[in-house]
Amino acid sequence: MDIRKIDDTISVSPQISVEDVAEAARLGFKTLVANRPDHEEPGQPAMADIAAAAKEHGLEWVYMPVASGNITDADVDAFAPMIRDAEKPVLAFCRSGTRCTVLWALSSARSGQSREIVDKARNAGYDIAGLAPRMAQQAQKSG
């Protein structure tokens, strides 16, 4: 499992396995968020199996699938309150971790500083500098 910490509240990861859920719980994560649609590619673990493992290990489970390369404002509108209210720390995953990072960045832009958000993502291995215009747009939705 390739966990990349963004800050004390959220880490992201590429696709996890059912077996990885126990390790996530052992590491202290409280909420597991799947931003990847079921059946996105052949051989991908079934989300129902990961959800069952999350429940077995005492993790909150959130299934919030988002199409790769097509994160909408509605996706950000759903992610923002979920991440705000989720029991922390959160581990969010998708195919590569990028979708989760973009969702976090766009929702964080509503109340945070874009430069700090870009730096946190970069420190986790994700270059989101190109999101600056969308982050500025999201900042207008603060509150």
N, C-alpha and C. Protein backbone atom coordinates (compact mmCIF):
# COMPACT_ATOMS: atom_id res chain seq x y z
N MET A 1 0.86 -1.18 0.00
CA MET A 1 0.00 0.00 0.00
C MET A 1 0.90 1.23 0.00
N ASP A 2 0.59 2.16 -0.88
CA ASP A 2 1.39 3.37 -1.06
C ASP A 2 0.62 4.56 -0.49
N ILE A 3 0.66 4.73 0.83
CA ILE A 3 -0.09 5.80 1.49
C ILE A 3 0.73 7.09 1.43
N ARG A 4 0.09 8.16 0.98
CA ARG A 4 0.73 9.46 0.86
C ARG A 4 -0.03 10.47 1.72
N LYS A 5 0.61 10.89 2.79
CA LYS A 5 -0.03 11.82 3.74
C LYS A 5 -0.06 13.22 3.16
N ILE A 6 -1.26 13.80 3.11
CA ILE A 6 -1.41 15.18 2.68
C ILE A 6 -1.30 16.10 3.89
N ASP A 7 -2.04 15.77 4.93
CA ASP A 7 -1.94 16.49 6.21
C ASP A 7 -2.44 15.56 7.30
N ASP A 8 -2.63 16.07 8.49
CA ASP A 8 -3.02 15.21 9.61
C ASP A 8 -4.44 14.67 9.49
N THR A 9 -5.23 15.22 8.58
CA THR A 9 -6.62 14.78 8.46
C THR A 9 -6.83 13.79 7.32
N ILE A 10 -6.00 13.84 6.28
CA ILE A 10 -6.23 12.99 5.11
C ILE A 10 -4.93 12.52 4.49
N SER A 11 -4.95 11.26 4.08
CA SER A 11 -3.91 10.66 3.26
C SER A 11 -4.61 10.05 2.06
N VAL A 12 -3.87 9.87 0.99
CA VAL A 12 -4.43 9.27 -0.22
C VAL A 12 -3.57 8.09 -0.64
N SER A 13 -4.14 7.25 -1.48
CA SER A 13 -3.44 6.06 -1.91
C SER A 13 -3.97 5.62 -3.28
N PRO A 14 -3.10 4.98 -4.06
CA PRO A 14 -3.62 4.25 -5.22
C PRO A 14 -4.50 3.10 -4.72
N GLN A 15 -5.14 2.42 -5.64
CA GLN A 15 -6.05 1.31 -5.32
C GLN A 15 -5.51 0.44 -4.19
N ILE A 16 -6.36 0.18 -3.22
CA ILE A 16 -5.99 -0.72 -2.14
C ILE A 16 -6.66 -2.08 -2.36
N SER A 17 -6.16 -3.08 -1.68
CA SER A 17 -6.75 -4.41 -1.73
C SER A 17 -7.59 -4.63 -0.46
N VAL A 18 -8.36 -5.71 -0.47
CA VAL A 18 -9.14 -6.07 0.72
C VAL A 18 -8.18 -6.28 1.89
N GLU A 19 -7.05 -6.90 1.63
CA GLU A 19 -6.07 -7.17 2.68
C GLU A 19 -5.47 -5.89 3.26
N ASP A 20 -5.40 -4.84 2.46
CA ASP A 20 -4.83 -3.56 2.92
C ASP A 20 -5.71 -2.88 3.98
N VAL A 21 -6.97 -3.22 4.03
CA VAL A 21 -7.89 -2.56 4.96
C VAL A 21 -7.45 -2.79 6.41
N ALA A 22 -7.03 -4.00 6.73
CA ALA A 22 -6.57 -4.29 8.09
C ALA A 22 -5.37 -3.42 8.44
N GLU A 23 -4.46 -3.24 7.50
CA GLU A 23 -3.28 -2.39 7.74
C GLU A 23 -3.69 -0.93 7.92
N ALA A 24 -4.65 -0.46 7.14
CA ALA A 24 -5.13 0.91 7.29
C ALA A 24 -5.70 1.12 8.69
N ALA A 25 -6.47 0.15 9.16
CA ALA A 25 -7.03 0.24 10.52
C ALA A 25 -5.91 0.22 11.56
N ARG A 26 -4.93 -0.65 11.37
CA ARG A 26 -3.81 -0.75 12.30
C ARG A 26 -3.03 0.56 12.36
N LEU A 27 -2.95 1.26 11.22
CA LEU A 27 -2.23 2.53 11.16
C LEU A 27 -3.02 3.69 11.78
N GLY A 28 -4.27 3.44 12.17
CA GLY A 28 -5.05 4.45 12.87
C GLY A 28 -6.06 5.21 12.03
N PHE A 29 -6.22 4.84 10.77
CA PHE A 29 -7.23 5.52 9.96
C PHE A 29 -8.61 5.17 10.51
N LYS A 30 -9.51 6.15 10.44
CA LYS A 30 -10.86 5.98 10.98
C LYS A 30 -11.92 5.88 9.89
N THR A 31 -11.63 6.51 8.74
CA THR A 31 -12.58 6.53 7.62
C THR A 31 -11.85 6.14 6.35
N LEU A 32 -12.48 5.30 5.55
CA LEU A 32 -11.95 4.87 4.27
C LEU A 32 -12.88 5.38 3.18
N VAL A 33 -12.32 6.14 2.24
CA VAL A 33 -13.12 6.76 1.17
C VAL A 33 -12.66 6.20 -0.18
N ALA A 34 -13.61 5.66 -0.93
CA ALA A 34 -13.32 5.17 -2.27
C ALA A 34 -13.84 6.17 -3.29
N ASN A 35 -12.92 6.76 -4.06
CA ASN A 35 -13.31 7.70 -5.11
C ASN A 35 -13.22 7.07 -6.50
N ARG A 36 -13.12 5.76 -6.53
CA ARG A 36 -12.98 5.03 -7.79
C ARG A 36 -14.25 4.22 -8.05
N PRO A 37 -14.82 4.35 -9.25
CA PRO A 37 -16.00 3.54 -9.56
C PRO A 37 -15.65 2.05 -9.60
N ASP A 38 -16.60 1.24 -9.18
CA ASP A 38 -16.47 -0.21 -9.34
C ASP A 38 -16.32 -0.52 -10.83
N HIS A 39 -15.57 -1.54 -11.14
CA HIS A 39 -15.41 -2.03 -12.52
C HIS A 39 -14.75 -1.02 -13.45
N GLU A 40 -13.95 -0.12 -12.91
CA GLU A 40 -13.27 0.85 -13.76
C GLU A 40 -12.27 0.15 -14.68
N GLU A 41 -11.65 -0.91 -14.17
CA GLU A 41 -10.75 -1.70 -15.01
C GLU A 41 -10.80 -3.15 -14.57
N PRO A 42 -10.51 -4.07 -15.48
CA PRO A 42 -10.53 -5.49 -15.14
C PRO A 42 -9.54 -5.81 -14.01
N GLY A 43 -9.96 -6.70 -13.11
CA GLY A 43 -9.09 -7.13 -12.03
C GLY A 43 -9.10 -6.25 -10.80
N GLN A 44 -9.80 -5.16 -10.86
CA GLN A 44 -9.89 -4.24 -9.71
C GLN A 44 -10.71 -4.91 -8.61
N PRO A 45 -10.29 -4.77 -7.35
CA PRO A 45 -11.09 -5.36 -6.26
C PRO A 45 -12.49 -4.75 -6.22
N ALA A 46 -13.47 -5.58 -5.88
CA ALA A 46 -14.86 -5.11 -5.78
C ALA A 46 -15.00 -4.20 -4.57
N MET A 47 -15.66 -3.08 -4.76
CA MET A 47 -15.85 -2.13 -3.67
C MET A 47 -16.66 -2.74 -2.53
N ALA A 48 -17.60 -3.64 -2.85
CA ALA A 48 -18.38 -4.28 -1.79
C ALA A 48 -17.47 -5.10 -0.88
N ASP A 49 -16.46 -5.73 -1.45
CA ASP A 49 -15.52 -6.51 -0.64
C ASP A 49 -14.68 -5.61 0.26
N ILE A 50 -14.25 -4.47 -0.28
CA ILE A 50 -13.47 -3.52 0.52
C ILE A 50 -14.36 -2.91 1.60
N ALA A 51 -15.61 -2.61 1.25
CA ALA A 51 -16.55 -2.07 2.24
C ALA A 51 -16.77 -3.06 3.38
N ALA A 52 -16.92 -4.34 3.07
CA ALA A 52 -17.11 -5.35 4.10
C ALA A 52 -15.89 -5.43 5.02
N ALA A 53 -14.70 -5.35 4.42
CA ALA A 53 -13.46 -5.38 5.22
C ALA A 53 -13.38 -4.14 6.10
N ALA A 54 -13.78 -2.99 5.57
CA ALA A 54 -13.76 -1.76 6.37
C ALA A 54 -14.67 -1.91 7.59
N LYS A 55 -15.86 -2.43 7.37
CA LYS A 55 -16.80 -2.64 8.49
C LYS A 55 -16.21 -3.62 9.50
N GLU A 56 -15.62 -4.70 9.00
CA GLU A 56 -15.02 -5.72 9.87
C GLU A 56 -13.92 -5.14 10.76
N HIS A 57 -13.20 -4.15 10.24
CA HIS A 57 -12.08 -3.56 10.98
C HIS A 57 -12.43 -2.25 11.66
N GLY A 58 -13.74 -1.93 11.73
CA GLY A 58 -14.19 -0.77 12.48
C GLY A 58 -13.97 0.57 11.80
N LEU A 59 -13.80 0.55 10.48
CA LEU A 59 -13.62 1.80 9.74
C LEU A 59 -14.96 2.28 9.17
N GLU A 60 -15.15 3.59 9.19
CA GLU A 60 -16.27 4.16 8.46
C GLU A 60 -15.98 3.99 6.98
N TRP A 61 -16.98 3.72 6.18
CA TRP A 61 -16.82 3.49 4.74
C TRP A 61 -17.63 4.52 3.98
N VAL A 62 -16.98 5.19 3.03
CA VAL A 62 -17.66 6.14 2.16
C VAL A 62 -17.33 5.77 0.72
N TYR A 63 -18.37 5.48 -0.05
CA TYR A 63 -18.19 5.18 -1.48
C TYR A 63 -18.68 6.38 -2.26
N MET A 64 -17.76 7.12 -2.83
CA MET A 64 -18.05 8.34 -3.56
C MET A 64 -17.30 8.30 -4.90
N PRO A 65 -17.79 7.47 -5.84
CA PRO A 65 -17.06 7.30 -7.10
C PRO A 65 -17.10 8.55 -7.97
N VAL A 66 -15.95 8.81 -8.59
CA VAL A 66 -15.80 9.97 -9.47
C VAL A 66 -15.11 9.49 -10.74
N ALA A 67 -15.59 9.94 -11.88
CA ALA A 67 -14.99 9.54 -13.16
C ALA A 67 -13.60 10.17 -13.29
N SER A 68 -12.65 9.37 -13.69
CA SER A 68 -11.28 9.85 -13.88
C SER A 68 -11.23 10.97 -14.91
N GLY A 69 -10.56 12.05 -14.55
CA GLY A 69 -10.41 13.18 -15.46
C GLY A 69 -11.66 14.01 -15.65
N ASN A 70 -12.69 13.76 -14.85
CA ASN A 70 -13.95 14.48 -15.03
C ASN A 70 -14.57 14.82 -13.68
N ILE A 71 -13.80 15.50 -12.84
CA ILE A 71 -14.32 15.89 -11.53
C ILE A 71 -15.18 17.14 -11.70
N THR A 72 -16.44 17.01 -11.35
CA THR A 72 -17.38 18.11 -11.53
C THR A 72 -17.51 18.93 -10.24
N ASP A 73 -18.11 20.09 -10.36
CA ASP A 73 -18.40 20.89 -9.17
C ASP A 73 -19.33 20.13 -8.23
N ALA A 74 -20.25 19.33 -8.78
CA ALA A 74 -21.15 18.54 -7.94
C ALA A 74 -20.35 17.51 -7.13
N ASP A 75 -19.29 16.94 -7.74
CA ASP A 75 -18.43 16.01 -7.00
C ASP A 75 -17.77 16.72 -5.83
N VAL A 76 -17.28 17.94 -6.07
CA VAL A 76 -16.63 18.72 -5.01
C VAL A 76 -17.66 19.10 -3.95
N ASP A 77 -18.87 19.45 -4.38
CA ASP A 77 -19.94 19.80 -3.44
C ASP A 77 -20.26 18.63 -2.51
N ALA A 78 -20.17 17.41 -3.02
CA ALA A 78 -20.42 16.23 -2.19
C ALA A 78 -19.22 15.89 -1.30
N PHE A 79 -18.02 16.06 -1.84
CA PHE A 79 -16.80 15.70 -1.11
C PHE A 79 -16.55 16.63 0.06
N ALA A 80 -16.77 17.93 -0.13
CA ALA A 80 -16.43 18.93 0.89
C ALA A 80 -17.08 18.64 2.25
N PRO A 81 -18.40 18.46 2.33
CA PRO A 81 -18.99 18.19 3.66
C PRO A 81 -18.63 16.79 4.17
N MET A 82 -18.46 15.83 3.25
CA MET A 82 -18.11 14.48 3.69
C MET A 82 -16.75 14.52 4.39
N ILE A 83 -15.77 15.16 3.78
CA ILE A 83 -14.43 15.17 4.35
C ILE A 83 -14.39 16.02 5.62
N ARG A 84 -15.17 17.08 5.64
CA ARG A 84 -15.24 17.93 6.84
C ARG A 84 -15.79 17.15 8.03
N ASP A 85 -16.82 16.34 7.79
CA ASP A 85 -17.54 15.66 8.86
C ASP A 85 -17.02 14.25 9.15
N ALA A 86 -16.17 13.71 8.31
CA ALA A 86 -15.67 12.34 8.48
C ALA A 86 -14.82 12.22 9.74
N GLU A 87 -14.89 11.05 10.35
CA GLU A 87 -13.99 10.77 11.47
C GLU A 87 -12.57 10.68 10.92
N LYS A 88 -11.65 11.37 11.55
CA LYS A 88 -10.29 11.48 11.03
C LYS A 88 -9.32 10.65 11.85
N PRO A 89 -8.22 10.27 11.25
CA PRO A 89 -7.77 10.57 9.89
C PRO A 89 -8.49 9.71 8.84
N VAL A 90 -8.51 10.26 7.62
CA VAL A 90 -9.17 9.65 6.48
C VAL A 90 -8.11 9.09 5.53
N LEU A 91 -8.38 7.93 4.98
CA LEU A 91 -7.59 7.39 3.87
C LEU A 91 -8.52 7.31 2.68
N ALA A 92 -8.22 8.08 1.64
CA ALA A 92 -9.01 8.08 0.41
C ALA A 92 -8.18 7.41 -0.68
N PHE A 93 -8.86 6.63 -1.53
CA PHE A 93 -8.12 5.97 -2.62
C PHE A 93 -8.90 6.01 -3.92
N CYS A 94 -8.15 5.89 -4.99
CA CYS A 94 -8.68 5.77 -6.35
C CYS A 94 -7.66 4.94 -7.13
N ARG A 95 -7.57 5.10 -8.44
CA ARG A 95 -6.60 4.31 -9.19
C ARG A 95 -5.18 4.68 -8.83
N SER A 96 -4.89 6.00 -8.79
CA SER A 96 -3.52 6.45 -8.54
C SER A 96 -3.38 7.36 -7.32
N GLY A 97 -4.50 7.82 -6.77
CA GLY A 97 -4.49 8.80 -5.69
C GLY A 97 -4.73 10.22 -6.18
N THR A 98 -4.63 10.42 -7.48
CA THR A 98 -4.77 11.77 -8.05
C THR A 98 -6.19 12.31 -7.88
N ARG A 99 -7.20 11.52 -8.21
CA ARG A 99 -8.59 11.97 -8.07
C ARG A 99 -8.89 12.43 -6.65
N CYS A 100 -8.43 11.62 -5.69
CA CYS A 100 -8.66 11.95 -4.28
C CYS A 100 -7.98 13.28 -3.93
N THR A 101 -6.77 13.45 -4.42
CA THR A 101 -6.01 14.66 -4.15
C THR A 101 -6.70 15.87 -4.77
N VAL A 102 -7.19 15.73 -5.99
CA VAL A 102 -7.88 16.83 -6.66
C VAL A 102 -9.17 17.18 -5.92
N LEU A 103 -9.93 16.17 -5.52
CA LEU A 103 -11.15 16.44 -4.75
C LEU A 103 -10.82 17.16 -3.46
N TRP A 104 -9.81 16.70 -2.76
CA TRP A 104 -9.39 17.36 -1.52
C TRP A 104 -8.97 18.80 -1.79
N ALA A 105 -8.16 19.00 -2.83
CA ALA A 105 -7.65 20.35 -3.13
C ALA A 105 -8.78 21.30 -3.48
N LEU A 106 -9.69 20.87 -4.33
CA LEU A 106 -10.79 21.76 -4.73
C LEU A 106 -11.71 22.07 -3.55
N SER A 107 -11.98 21.08 -2.71
CA SER A 107 -12.83 21.35 -1.56
C SER A 107 -12.09 22.20 -0.53
N SER A 108 -10.79 21.98 -0.37
CA SER A 108 -9.99 22.77 0.57
C SER A 108 -9.84 24.22 0.12
N ALA A 109 -9.89 24.44 -1.18
CA ALA A 109 -9.74 25.80 -1.71
C ALA A 109 -10.88 26.70 -1.25
N ARG A 110 -11.97 26.12 -0.80
CA ARG A 110 -13.10 26.90 -0.32
C ARG A 110 -12.79 27.59 1.00
N SER A 111 -11.79 27.08 1.73
CA SER A 111 -11.47 27.69 3.02
C SER A 111 -9.97 27.83 3.27
N GLY A 112 -9.15 27.42 2.32
CA GLY A 112 -7.71 27.45 2.53
C GLY A 112 -6.98 28.30 1.52
N GLN A 113 -5.69 28.39 1.72
CA GLN A 113 -4.84 29.14 0.81
C GLN A 113 -4.35 28.23 -0.30
N SER A 114 -4.52 28.65 -1.55
CA SER A 114 -4.15 27.81 -2.69
C SER A 114 -2.69 27.39 -2.65
N ARG A 115 -1.80 28.30 -2.30
CA ARG A 115 -0.37 27.97 -2.29
C ARG A 115 -0.09 26.83 -1.29
N GLU A 116 -0.67 26.92 -0.11
CA GLU A 116 -0.49 25.87 0.90
C GLU A 116 -1.06 24.54 0.42
N ILE A 117 -2.20 24.58 -0.25
CA ILE A 117 -2.84 23.37 -0.77
C ILE A 117 -1.95 22.72 -1.83
N VAL A 118 -1.44 23.53 -2.75
CA VAL A 118 -0.55 23.02 -3.80
C VAL A 118 0.71 22.42 -3.18
N ASP A 119 1.26 23.08 -2.18
CA ASP A 119 2.47 22.58 -1.51
C ASP A 119 2.21 21.24 -0.82
N LYS A 120 1.10 21.11 -0.13
CA LYS A 120 0.77 19.85 0.55
C LYS A 120 0.63 18.72 -0.46
N ALA A 121 -0.04 19.00 -1.56
CA ALA A 121 -0.20 17.98 -2.60
C ALA A 121 1.16 17.60 -3.20
N ARG A 122 1.98 18.59 -3.47
CA ARG A 122 3.31 18.34 -4.03
C ARG A 122 4.14 17.49 -3.07
N ASN A 123 4.08 17.80 -1.78
CA ASN A 123 4.82 17.02 -0.79
C ASN A 123 4.35 15.55 -0.75
N ALA A 124 3.11 15.31 -1.15
CA ALA A 124 2.57 13.95 -1.20
C ALA A 124 2.84 13.29 -2.55
N GLY A 125 3.45 14.03 -3.48
CA GLY A 125 3.80 13.47 -4.78
C GLY A 125 2.83 13.77 -5.90
N TYR A 126 1.96 14.76 -5.71
CA TYR A 126 0.97 15.10 -6.74
C TYR A 126 1.14 16.56 -7.14
N ASP A 127 1.32 16.80 -8.43
CA ASP A 127 1.47 18.15 -8.95
C ASP A 127 0.10 18.65 -9.40
N ILE A 128 -0.48 19.54 -8.63
CA ILE A 128 -1.82 20.06 -8.95
C ILE A 128 -1.78 21.55 -9.27
N ALA A 129 -0.59 22.06 -9.57
CA ALA A 129 -0.46 23.49 -9.86
C ALA A 129 -1.41 23.93 -10.98
N GLY A 130 -1.69 23.05 -11.91
CA GLY A 130 -2.59 23.37 -13.01
C GLY A 130 -4.04 23.58 -12.58
N LEU A 131 -4.35 23.24 -11.34
CA LEU A 131 -5.71 23.44 -10.82
C LEU A 131 -5.97 24.85 -10.32
N ALA A 132 -4.96 25.71 -10.37
CA ALA A 132 -5.09 27.06 -9.80
C ALA A 132 -6.37 27.77 -10.22
N PRO A 133 -6.73 27.78 -11.52
CA PRO A 133 -7.98 28.47 -11.89
C PRO A 133 -9.23 27.86 -11.24
N ARG A 134 -9.29 26.54 -11.18
CA ARG A 134 -10.46 25.91 -10.54
C ARG A 134 -10.46 26.14 -9.05
N MET A 135 -9.27 26.16 -8.44
CA MET A 135 -9.19 26.42 -7.01
C MET A 135 -9.66 27.84 -6.72
N ALA A 136 -9.31 28.78 -7.57
CA ALA A 136 -9.77 30.17 -7.39
C ALA A 136 -11.29 30.23 -7.51
N GLN A 137 -11.83 29.47 -8.44
CA GLN A 137 -13.29 29.41 -8.60
C GLN A 137 -13.94 28.83 -7.34
N GLN A 138 -13.35 27.78 -6.79
CA GLN A 138 -13.90 27.16 -5.58
C GLN A 138 -13.79 28.10 -4.39
N ALA A 139 -12.75 28.91 -4.34
CA ALA A 139 -12.58 29.85 -3.24
C ALA A 139 -13.75 30.83 -3.16
N GLN A 140 -14.38 31.07 -4.28
CA GLN A 140 -15.55 31.96 -4.32
C GLN A 140 -16.77 31.31 -3.63
N LYS A 141 -16.70 30.00 -3.42
CA LYS A 141 -17.82 29.26 -2.80
C LYS A 141 -17.58 29.03 -1.33
N SER A 142 -16.63 29.73 -0.74
CA SER A 142 -16.30 29.49 0.67
C SER A 142 -17.53 29.68 1.56
N GLY A 143 -17.48 28.91 2.66
CA GLY A 143 -18.57 29.03 3.60
C GLY A 143 -19.26 27.77 3.87
